[in-house]
Protein backbone atom coordinates (compact mmCIF):
# COMPACT_ATOMS: atom_id res chain seq x y z
CA MET A 1 -28.69 2.20 26.69
CA GLN A 2 -26.65 -0.96 26.11
CA GLN A 3 -23.18 -1.09 27.65
CA PRO A 4 -20.31 -1.69 25.19
CA VAL A 5 -18.83 -5.16 25.23
CA VAL A 6 -15.34 -5.18 26.68
CA PHE A 7 -13.33 -7.68 24.70
CA PRO A 8 -9.95 -8.31 26.31
CA VAL A 9 -6.93 -9.22 24.21
CA LEU A 10 -5.97 -12.82 24.94
CA GLU A 11 -2.62 -13.90 23.62
CA THR A 12 -0.71 -17.18 23.56
CA ARG A 13 2.35 -18.23 21.67
CA ARG A 14 0.24 -19.33 18.70
CA LEU A 15 -2.97 -17.30 18.91
CA ILE A 16 -4.18 -13.74 19.49
CA LEU A 17 -7.86 -13.13 20.24
CA ARG A 18 -8.88 -9.49 20.04
CA GLN A 19 -11.81 -7.21 19.31
CA PRO A 20 -12.69 -7.35 15.59
CA GLU A 21 -11.62 -4.28 13.63
CA PRO A 22 -13.06 -2.79 10.42
CA GLU A 23 -10.25 -4.25 8.31
CA ASP A 24 -11.39 -7.74 9.44
CA ALA A 25 -14.75 -7.37 7.66
CA ALA A 26 -13.88 -9.35 4.51
CA SER A 27 -12.48 -12.28 6.51
CA ILE A 28 -15.47 -12.34 8.85
CA LEU A 29 -17.86 -12.30 5.88
CA ARG A 30 -15.97 -15.15 4.24
CA LEU A 31 -16.36 -17.28 7.38
CA ARG A 32 -19.91 -16.29 8.29
CA SER A 33 -21.27 -16.81 4.78
CA GLU A 34 -19.86 -20.32 4.40
CA THR A 35 -22.76 -22.76 4.70
CA GLU A 36 -20.52 -25.72 5.57
CA MET A 37 -18.90 -23.84 8.49
CA LEU A 38 -22.25 -22.57 9.79
CA LYS A 39 -23.36 -26.17 10.38
CA TYR A 40 -21.03 -26.21 13.40
CA ILE A 41 -21.81 -22.87 15.03
CA GLU A 42 -25.10 -21.32 16.07
CA MET A 43 -24.83 -18.05 14.18
CA TYR A 44 -26.82 -16.76 11.25
CA LYS A 45 -25.43 -16.37 7.76
CA LEU A 46 -24.14 -12.92 6.85
CA GLN A 47 -25.02 -11.44 3.47
CA SER A 48 -22.81 -8.38 2.91
CA LEU A 49 -19.74 -6.42 3.98
CA ASP A 50 -22.05 -3.63 5.16
CA GLU A 51 -23.75 -6.06 7.54
CA VAL A 52 -20.36 -7.14 8.94
CA ARG A 53 -19.14 -3.55 9.32
CA GLU A 54 -22.34 -2.64 11.16
CA MET A 55 -21.80 -5.50 13.61
CA ILE A 56 -18.16 -4.52 14.19
CA GLU A 57 -19.21 -0.91 14.82
CA SER A 58 -21.88 -2.10 17.26
CA ASN A 59 -19.01 -3.22 19.49
CA GLY A 60 -19.51 -6.94 19.47
CA SER A 61 -23.26 -7.37 19.62
CA TYR A 62 -22.90 -9.99 16.87
CA LEU A 63 -21.27 -12.29 19.41
CA ALA A 64 -24.60 -12.86 21.11
């Protein structure tokens, strides 16, 4: 069984990095379905909110 990814909260004066939450799904889809943005990162294009929600629920496996 795969161990859950522990994603620490990292915070600076101008930025907070945290584990994605279900309410982030629309924003993640907007970024990960943008062809122009995907030219600069090595991640596949997402197709639906259900796909994003599934990745969030899988506890970060989409980061790989």
